[in-house]
């Protein structure tokens, strides 16, 4: 279970309160008005935004003061964060070792991850030789080799066309099912939430609210969300 116990998150002058629990294995969409603090929430969970009050824990282990790299968390950013001078295999391998000095077993893990995200045979290509959807798959492969319990996604597929985005959302759902990872995905599109998430965390009016069933929240949105969705 991921637990934010009476937390106050601060990002510059912005403050967000969060007091909620998320069961392990859930797929959660984080939605709300622009500027409400959706990214602040997942960056605080990842350790990039300070928690000035309260405690953050995962399965009973407190993470509040733990460095980002030591948390059981992998994060997929909006731009994918690929290195243009590195090959597909090298970009994925960074998820295991930043110096890319991989053992044979680790190299096998990289190849398996590349195959699992549908890029078998493209190991030596550079990002510039890939489509946008293929670049997203590389970034997802890097996350996959890390084998972390928590997967945080900050609108990583927002720049893709509708068909490609659906394809990537389905792949994330499949990988989460296979690995048992808990997924939190920031999205501005309620269709994304309906497709991938069984629950939604609404971030609005300075608060990250406890998760609710996706259909319940989106079919009967509170005023702040209704104004945003139109």
C-alpha atoms as a PDB file:
ATOM      1  CA  UNK A   1       0.000   0.000   0.000  1.00  0.00           C
ATOM      2  CA  UNK A   2       1.128   3.523  -0.843  1.00  0.00           C
ATOM      3  CA  UNK A   3       0.219   5.884   1.975  1.00  0.00           C
ATOM      4  CA  UNK A   4       0.462   9.647   2.194  1.00  0.00           C
ATOM      5  CA  UNK A   5      -0.303  10.387   5.819  1.00  0.00           C
ATOM      6  CA  UNK A   6      -1.376  14.035   6.301  1.00  0.00           C
ATOM      7  CA  UNK A   7       1.280  15.209   3.871  1.00  0.00           C
ATOM      8  CA  UNK A   8       1.990  18.762   2.833  1.00  0.00           C
ATOM      9  CA  UNK A   9       3.879  18.980  -0.450  1.00  0.00           C
ATOM     10  CA  UNK A  10       5.693  22.137  -1.472  1.00  0.00           C
ATOM     11  CA  UNK A  11       6.963  23.104  -4.916  1.00  0.00           C
ATOM     12  CA  UNK A  12       8.234  26.668  -4.734  1.00  0.00           C
ATOM     13  CA  UNK A  13       5.349  28.746  -3.433  1.00  0.00           C
ATOM     14  CA  UNK A  14       2.815  26.048  -4.359  1.00  0.00           C
ATOM     15  CA  UNK A  15       1.400  23.865  -1.572  1.00  0.00           C
ATOM     16  CA  UNK A  16      -0.648  20.686  -1.882  1.00  0.00           C
ATOM     17  CA  UNK A  17      -2.239  18.617   0.885  1.00  0.00           C
ATOM     18  CA  UNK A  18      -2.495  14.840   0.486  1.00  0.00           C
ATOM     19  CA  UNK A  19      -3.961  12.331   2.937  1.00  0.00           C
ATOM     20  CA  UNK A  20      -4.729   9.143   1.043  1.00  0.00           C
ATOM     21  CA  UNK A  21      -3.999   5.443   0.553  1.00  0.00           C
ATOM     22  CA  UNK A  22      -3.570   3.454  -2.648  1.00  0.00           C
ATOM     23  CA  UNK A  23      -3.694  -0.333  -2.587  1.00  0.00           C
ATOM     24  CA  UNK A  24      -0.838  -2.248  -4.197  1.00  0.00           C
ATOM     25  CA  UNK A  25      -1.500  -3.343  -7.769  1.00  0.00           C
ATOM     26  CA  UNK A  26      -3.982  -0.583  -8.544  1.00  0.00           C
ATOM     27  CA  UNK A  27      -3.887   1.482 -11.729  1.00  0.00           C
ATOM     28  CA  UNK A  28      -4.645   5.064 -10.745  1.00  0.00           C
ATOM     29  CA  UNK A  29      -5.274   8.099 -12.952  1.00  0.00           C
ATOM     30  CA  UNK A  30      -4.343  11.452 -11.433  1.00  0.00           C
ATOM     31  CA  UNK A  31      -6.587  14.117 -12.923  1.00  0.00           C
ATOM     32  CA  UNK A  32      -7.656  17.670 -12.195  1.00  0.00           C
ATOM     33  CA  UNK A  33      -7.535  21.242 -13.506  1.00  0.00           C
ATOM     34  CA  UNK A  34      -4.359  22.613 -15.061  1.00  0.00           C
ATOM     35  CA  UNK A  35      -1.970  23.851 -12.392  1.00  0.00           C
ATOM     36  CA  UNK A  36      -3.770  21.998  -9.608  1.00  0.00           C
ATOM     37  CA  UNK A  37      -0.692  19.986  -8.610  1.00  0.00           C
ATOM     38  CA  UNK A  38      -0.937  16.650 -10.424  1.00  0.00           C
ATOM     39  CA  UNK A  39       2.747  16.584 -11.351  1.00  0.00           C
ATOM     40  CA  UNK A  40       3.683  17.902  -7.904  1.00  0.00           C
ATOM     41  CA  UNK A  41       1.944  14.888  -6.359  1.00  0.00           C
ATOM     42  CA  UNK A  42       3.779  12.220  -8.329  1.00  0.00           C
ATOM     43  CA  UNK A  43       7.103  14.079  -8.125  1.00  0.00           C
ATOM     44  CA  UNK A  44       6.736  14.174  -4.334  1.00  0.00           C
ATOM     45  CA  UNK A  45       6.097  10.421  -4.319  1.00  0.00           C
ATOM     46  CA  UNK A  46       9.210   9.972  -6.469  1.00  0.00           C
ATOM     47  CA  UNK A  47      11.258  12.181  -4.132  1.00  0.00           C
ATOM     48  CA  UNK A  48      11.794  15.182  -6.405  1.00  0.00           C
ATOM     49  CA  UNK A  49       9.465  17.517  -4.468  1.00  0.00           C
ATOM     50  CA  UNK A  50       9.876  17.864  -0.690  1.00  0.00           C
ATOM     51  CA  UNK A  51       7.272  16.705   1.811  1.00  0.00           C
ATOM     52  CA  UNK A  52       7.357  19.376   4.494  1.00  0.00           C
ATOM     53  CA  UNK A  53       4.808  17.711   6.772  1.00  0.00           C
ATOM     54  CA  UNK A  54       3.493  14.181   7.174  1.00  0.00           C
ATOM     55  CA  UNK A  55       4.837  10.805   6.087  1.00  0.00           C
ATOM     56  CA  UNK A  56       5.048   8.854   2.846  1.00  0.00           C
ATOM     57  CA  UNK A  57       5.291   5.073   3.012  1.00  0.00           C
ATOM     58  CA  UNK A  58       5.124   2.004   0.783  1.00  0.00           C
ATOM     59  CA  UNK A  59       4.042  -1.304   2.308  1.00  0.00           C
ATOM     60  CA  UNK A  60       4.934  -0.006   5.750  1.00  0.00           C
ATOM     61  CA  UNK A  61       8.397   1.277   4.784  1.00  0.00           C
ATOM     62  CA  UNK A  62       8.730   5.013   5.258  1.00  0.00           C
ATOM     63  CA  UNK A  63      10.062   6.799   2.179  1.00  0.00           C
ATOM     64  CA  UNK A  64       9.787  10.422   3.303  1.00  0.00           C
ATOM     65  CA  UNK A  65      13.527  10.976   3.681  1.00  0.00           C
ATOM     66  CA  UNK A  66      14.722   8.368   1.181  1.00  0.00           C
ATOM     67  CA  UNK A  67      16.656   9.591  -1.884  1.00  0.00           C
ATOM     68  CA  UNK A  68      14.809   9.254  -5.221  1.00  0.00           C
ATOM     69  CA  UNK A  69      17.125   6.568  -6.573  1.00  0.00           C
ATOM     70  CA  UNK A  70      16.635   4.431  -3.473  1.00  0.00           C
ATOM     71  CA  UNK A  71      12.834   4.369  -3.675  1.00  0.00           C
ATOM     72  CA  UNK A  72      10.980   1.405  -5.231  1.00  0.00           C
ATOM     73  CA  UNK A  73       9.793   3.759  -7.969  1.00  0.00           C
ATOM     74  CA  UNK A  74      10.311   4.193 -11.707  1.00  0.00           C
ATOM     75  CA  UNK A  75       9.110   7.364 -13.409  1.00  0.00           C
ATOM     76  CA  UNK A  76       8.251   7.970 -17.043  1.00  0.00           C
ATOM     77  CA  UNK A  77       8.340  11.636 -18.002  1.00  0.00           C
ATOM     78  CA  UNK A  78       6.452  13.415 -20.753  1.00  0.00           C
ATOM     79  CA  UNK A  79       9.454  13.702 -23.074  1.00  0.00           C
ATOM     80  CA  UNK A  80      10.686  10.128 -22.532  1.00  0.00           C
ATOM     81  CA  UNK A  81      14.122  11.485 -21.593  1.00  0.00           C
ATOM     82  CA  UNK A  82      15.996   9.494 -24.247  1.00  0.00           C
ATOM     83  CA  UNK A  83      19.636  10.249 -25.054  1.00  0.00           C
ATOM     84  CA  UNK A  84      19.975  10.894 -28.803  1.00  0.00           C
ATOM     85  CA  UNK A  85      23.566   9.634 -29.059  1.00  0.00           C
ATOM     86  CA  UNK A  86      22.735   6.273 -27.480  1.00  0.00           C
ATOM     87  CA  UNK A  87      21.151   3.245 -29.127  1.00  0.00           C
ATOM     88  CA  UNK A  88      17.843   1.711 -28.124  1.00  0.00           C
ATOM     89  CA  UNK A  89      19.668  -0.967 -26.117  1.00  0.00           C
ATOM     90  CA  UNK A  90      21.843   1.612 -24.377  1.00  0.00           C
ATOM     91  CA  UNK A  91      18.895   3.859 -23.542  1.00  0.00           C
ATOM     92  CA  UNK A  92      17.069   0.896 -22.021  1.00  0.00           C
ATOM     93  CA  UNK A  93      20.221  -0.294 -20.251  1.00  0.00           C
ATOM     94  CA  UNK A  94      20.465   3.024 -18.405  1.00  0.00           C
ATOM     95  CA  UNK A  95      17.526   1.791 -16.355  1.00  0.00           C
ATOM     96  CA  UNK A  96      19.854  -0.796 -14.817  1.00  0.00           C
ATOM     97  CA  UNK A  97      23.225   0.948 -14.661  1.00  0.00           C
ATOM     98  CA  UNK A  98      24.016   4.582 -15.570  1.00  0.00           C
ATOM     99  CA  UNK A  99      27.538   3.539 -16.616  1.00  0.00           C
ATOM    100  CA  UNK A 100      26.109   0.851 -18.952  1.00  0.00           C
ATOM    101  CA  UNK A 101      28.581  -1.754 -17.676  1.00  0.00           C
ATOM    102  CA  UNK A 102      26.067  -4.557 -17.790  1.00  0.00           C
ATOM    103  CA  UNK A 103      26.591  -8.187 -16.920  1.00  0.00           C
ATOM    104  CA  UNK A 104      25.454 -10.861 -19.339  1.00  0.00           C
ATOM    105  CA  UNK A 105      22.318 -11.411 -17.270  1.00  0.00           C
ATOM    106  CA  UNK A 106      21.597  -7.677 -17.325  1.00  0.00           C
ATOM    107  CA  UNK A 107      22.105  -7.563 -21.090  1.00  0.00           C
ATOM    108  CA  UNK A 108      19.603 -10.410 -21.388  1.00  0.00           C
ATOM    109  CA  UNK A 109      17.137  -8.365 -19.325  1.00  0.00           C
ATOM    110  CA  UNK A 110      17.591  -5.428 -21.687  1.00  0.00           C
ATOM    111  CA  UNK A 111      16.974  -7.596 -24.757  1.00  0.00           C
ATOM    112  CA  UNK A 112      13.907  -9.155 -23.143  1.00  0.00           C
ATOM    113  CA  UNK A 113      12.485  -5.733 -22.268  1.00  0.00           C
ATOM    114  CA  UNK A 114      13.069  -4.438 -25.801  1.00  0.00           C
ATOM    115  CA  UNK A 115      11.267  -7.458 -27.212  1.00  0.00           C
ATOM    116  CA  UNK A 116       8.415  -7.093 -24.739  1.00  0.00           C
ATOM    117  CA  UNK A 117       7.717  -3.501 -25.786  1.00  0.00           C
ATOM    118  CA  UNK A 118       7.689  -4.532 -29.449  1.00  0.00           C
ATOM    119  CA  UNK A 119      11.104  -3.332 -30.624  1.00  0.00           C
ATOM    120  CA  UNK A 120      12.935  -6.600 -31.310  1.00  0.00           C
ATOM    121  CA  UNK A 121      15.524  -6.025 -34.036  1.00  0.00           C
ATOM    122  CA  UNK A 122      15.826  -2.288 -33.320  1.00  0.00           C
ATOM    123  CA  UNK A 123      18.403  -2.575 -30.538  1.00  0.00           C
ATOM    124  CA  UNK A 124      21.100  -0.599 -32.389  1.00  0.00           C
ATOM    125  CA  UNK A 125      18.915   2.216 -33.720  1.00  0.00           C
ATOM    126  CA  UNK A 126      19.227   5.756 -32.383  1.00  0.00           C
ATOM    127  CA  UNK A 127      16.142   7.696 -31.233  1.00  0.00           C
ATOM    128  CA  UNK A 128      16.195   9.911 -34.344  1.00  0.00           C
ATOM    129  CA  UNK A 129      15.572   6.812 -36.466  1.00  0.00           C
ATOM    130  CA  UNK A 130      12.432   5.922 -34.513  1.00  0.00           C
ATOM    131  CA  UNK A 131       8.849   7.132 -34.697  1.00  0.00           C
ATOM    132  CA  UNK A 132       7.270   8.897 -31.739  1.00  0.00           C
ATOM    133  CA  UNK A 133       5.492   5.736 -30.713  1.00  0.00           C
ATOM    134  CA  UNK A 134       8.691   3.711 -30.913  1.00  0.00           C
ATOM    135  CA  UNK A 135      10.518   6.276 -28.782  1.00  0.00           C
ATOM    136  CA  UNK A 136       7.778   5.932 -26.166  1.00  0.00           C
ATOM    137  CA  UNK A 137       8.315   2.177 -26.236  1.00  0.00           C
ATOM    138  CA  UNK A 138      12.039   2.646 -25.583  1.00  0.00           C
ATOM    139  CA  UNK A 139      11.264   4.832 -22.564  1.00  0.00           C
ATOM    140  CA  UNK A 140       8.816   2.206 -21.325  1.00  0.00           C
ATOM    141  CA  UNK A 141      11.438  -0.501 -21.816  1.00  0.00           C
ATOM    142  CA  UNK A 142      13.834   1.449 -19.609  1.00  0.00           C
ATOM    143  CA  UNK A 143      11.184   1.529 -16.899  1.00  0.00           C
ATOM    144  CA  UNK A 144      10.469  -2.166 -17.333  1.00  0.00           C
ATOM    145  CA  UNK A 145      14.066  -3.304 -16.710  1.00  0.00           C
ATOM    146  CA  UNK A 146      14.117  -1.449 -13.396  1.00  0.00           C
ATOM    147  CA  UNK A 147      11.555  -3.882 -11.967  1.00  0.00           C
ATOM    148  CA  UNK A 148      10.174  -1.354  -9.478  1.00  0.00           C
ATOM    149  CA  UNK A 149       6.963  -1.754  -7.500  1.00  0.00           C
ATOM    150  CA  UNK A 150       5.608   1.698  -8.370  1.00  0.00           C
ATOM    151  CA  UNK A 151       5.365   3.146 -11.869  1.00  0.00           C
ATOM    152  CA  UNK A 152       4.688   6.894 -12.129  1.00  0.00           C
ATOM    153  CA  UNK A 153       3.751   8.389 -15.498  1.00  0.00           C
ATOM    154  CA  UNK A 154       3.574  12.121 -16.140  1.00  0.00           C
ATOM    155  CA  UNK A 155       1.511  12.322 -19.349  1.00  0.00           C
ATOM    156  CA  UNK A 156       4.183  10.418 -21.301  1.00  0.00           C
ATOM    157  CA  UNK A 157       1.949   9.828 -24.326  1.00  0.00           C
ATOM    158  CA  UNK A 158       0.363  13.279 -24.603  1.00  0.00           C
ATOM    159  CA  UNK A 159       2.238  14.084 -27.834  1.00  0.00           C
ATOM    160  CA  UNK A 160       1.099  10.900 -29.610  1.00  0.00           C
ATOM    161  CA  UNK A 161      -1.874  10.653 -31.908  1.00  0.00           C
ATOM    162  CA  UNK A 162      -5.065   9.022 -30.593  1.00  0.00           C
ATOM    163  CA  UNK A 163      -4.426   5.546 -32.017  1.00  0.00           C
ATOM    164  CA  UNK A 164      -0.807   5.413 -30.822  1.00  0.00           C
ATOM    165  CA  UNK A 165      -1.773   6.718 -27.398  1.00  0.00           C
ATOM    166  CA  UNK A 166      -4.380   3.989 -26.990  1.00  0.00           C
ATOM    167  CA  UNK A 167      -1.783   1.418 -28.038  1.00  0.00           C
ATOM    168  CA  UNK A 168       0.668   2.655 -25.422  1.00  0.00           C
ATOM    169  CA  UNK A 169      -1.963   2.840 -22.674  1.00  0.00           C
ATOM    170  CA  UNK A 170      -2.915  -0.764 -23.390  1.00  0.00           C
ATOM    171  CA  UNK A 171       0.746  -1.798 -23.262  1.00  0.00           C
ATOM    172  CA  UNK A 172       1.195  -0.087 -19.877  1.00  0.00           C
ATOM    173  CA  UNK A 173      -1.881  -1.904 -18.588  1.00  0.00           C
ATOM    174  CA  UNK A 174      -0.534  -5.239 -19.847  1.00  0.00           C
ATOM    175  CA  UNK A 175       2.876  -4.697 -18.275  1.00  0.00           C
ATOM    176  CA  UNK A 176       1.315  -3.654 -14.970  1.00  0.00           C
ATOM    177  CA  UNK A 177      -0.797  -6.806 -14.997  1.00  0.00           C
ATOM    178  CA  UNK A 178       2.242  -8.984 -15.735  1.00  0.00           C
ATOM    179  CA  UNK A 179       4.536  -7.410 -13.140  1.00  0.00           C
ATOM    180  CA  UNK A 180       2.019  -6.496 -10.444  1.00  0.00           C
ATOM    181  CA  UNK A 181       3.263  -2.903 -10.446  1.00  0.00           C
ATOM    182  CA  UNK A 182       1.148  -0.123  -8.981  1.00  0.00           C
ATOM    183  CA  UNK A 183       0.596   2.609 -11.572  1.00  0.00           C
ATOM    184  CA  UNK A 184      -0.113   6.307 -11.056  1.00  0.00           C
ATOM    185  CA  UNK A 185      -0.625   8.183 -14.312  1.00  0.00           C
ATOM    186  CA  UNK A 186      -1.145  11.915 -14.662  1.00  0.00           C
ATOM    187  CA  UNK A 187      -3.589  12.676 -17.458  1.00  0.00           C
ATOM    188  CA  UNK A 188      -5.677  15.589 -18.661  1.00  0.00           C
ATOM    189  CA  UNK A 189      -7.880  13.311 -20.776  1.00  0.00           C
ATOM    190  CA  UNK A 190     -10.759  11.491 -19.042  1.00  0.00           C
ATOM    191  CA  UNK A 191     -10.755   8.923 -21.873  1.00  0.00           C
ATOM    192  CA  UNK A 192      -7.249   7.867 -20.781  1.00  0.00           C
ATOM    193  CA  UNK A 193      -8.482   7.392 -17.222  1.00  0.00           C
ATOM    194  CA  UNK A 194     -11.428   5.309 -18.343  1.00  0.00           C
ATOM    195  CA  UNK A 195      -9.181   3.121 -20.488  1.00  0.00           C
ATOM    196  CA  UNK A 196      -6.394   2.315 -18.047  1.00  0.00           C
ATOM    197  CA  UNK A 197      -7.420   3.210 -14.488  1.00  0.00           C
ATOM    198  CA  UNK A 198      -9.701   1.433 -12.053  1.00  0.00           C
ATOM    199  CA  UNK A 199      -9.511   4.413  -9.693  1.00  0.00           C
ATOM    200  CA  UNK A 200      -8.925   8.153  -9.949  1.00  0.00           C
ATOM    201  CA  UNK A 201      -7.190  10.579  -7.622  1.00  0.00           C
ATOM    202  CA  UNK A 202      -8.658  14.051  -8.096  1.00  0.00           C
ATOM    203  CA  UNK A 203      -6.243  16.932  -7.507  1.00  0.00           C
ATOM    204  CA  UNK A 204      -8.100  20.209  -7.077  1.00  0.00           C
ATOM    205  CA  UNK A 205      -8.307  23.241  -4.795  1.00  0.00           C
ATOM    206  CA  UNK A 206      -4.983  22.500  -3.091  1.00  0.00           C
ATOM    207  CA  UNK A 207      -5.841  18.904  -2.186  1.00  0.00           C
ATOM    208  CA  UNK A 208      -5.082  15.471  -3.606  1.00  0.00           C
ATOM    209  CA  UNK A 209      -8.249  13.561  -2.735  1.00  0.00           C
ATOM    210  CA  UNK A 210      -8.439   9.845  -1.846  1.00  0.00           C
ATOM    211  CA  UNK A 211      -8.985   7.541  -4.822  1.00  0.00           C
ATOM    212  CA  UNK A 212     -12.479   6.907  -6.130  1.00  0.00           C
ATOM    213  CA  UNK A 213     -13.756   4.416  -8.727  1.00  0.00           C
ATOM    214  CA  UNK A 214     -13.119   5.891 -12.159  1.00  0.00           C
ATOM    215  CA  UNK A 215     -16.652   5.701 -13.497  1.00  0.00           C
ATOM    216  CA  UNK A 216     -18.165   7.085 -10.280  1.00  0.00           C
ATOM    217  CA  UNK A 217     -15.990  10.188 -10.358  1.00  0.00           C
ATOM    218  CA  UNK A 218     -16.126  10.889 -14.078  1.00  0.00           C
ATOM    219  CA  UNK A 219     -19.847  10.237 -14.413  1.00  0.00           C
ATOM    220  CA  UNK A 220     -20.623  12.527 -11.472  1.00  0.00           C
ATOM    221  CA  UNK A 221     -17.730  15.003 -11.291  1.00  0.00           C
ATOM    222  CA  UNK A 222     -17.509  17.499  -8.428  1.00  0.00           C
ATOM    223  CA  UNK A 223     -17.721  21.200  -9.402  1.00  0.00           C
ATOM    224  CA  UNK A 224     -13.950  21.745  -9.760  1.00  0.00           C
ATOM    225  CA  UNK A 225     -13.583  18.784 -12.114  1.00  0.00           C
ATOM    226  CA  UNK A 226     -16.807  19.562 -13.990  1.00  0.00           C
ATOM    227  CA  UNK A 227     -15.622  23.092 -14.718  1.00  0.00           C
ATOM    228  CA  UNK A 228     -12.341  21.691 -16.041  1.00  0.00           C
ATOM    229  CA  UNK A 229     -13.925  18.989 -18.186  1.00  0.00           C
ATOM    230  CA  UNK A 230     -16.603  21.350 -19.518  1.00  0.00           C
END
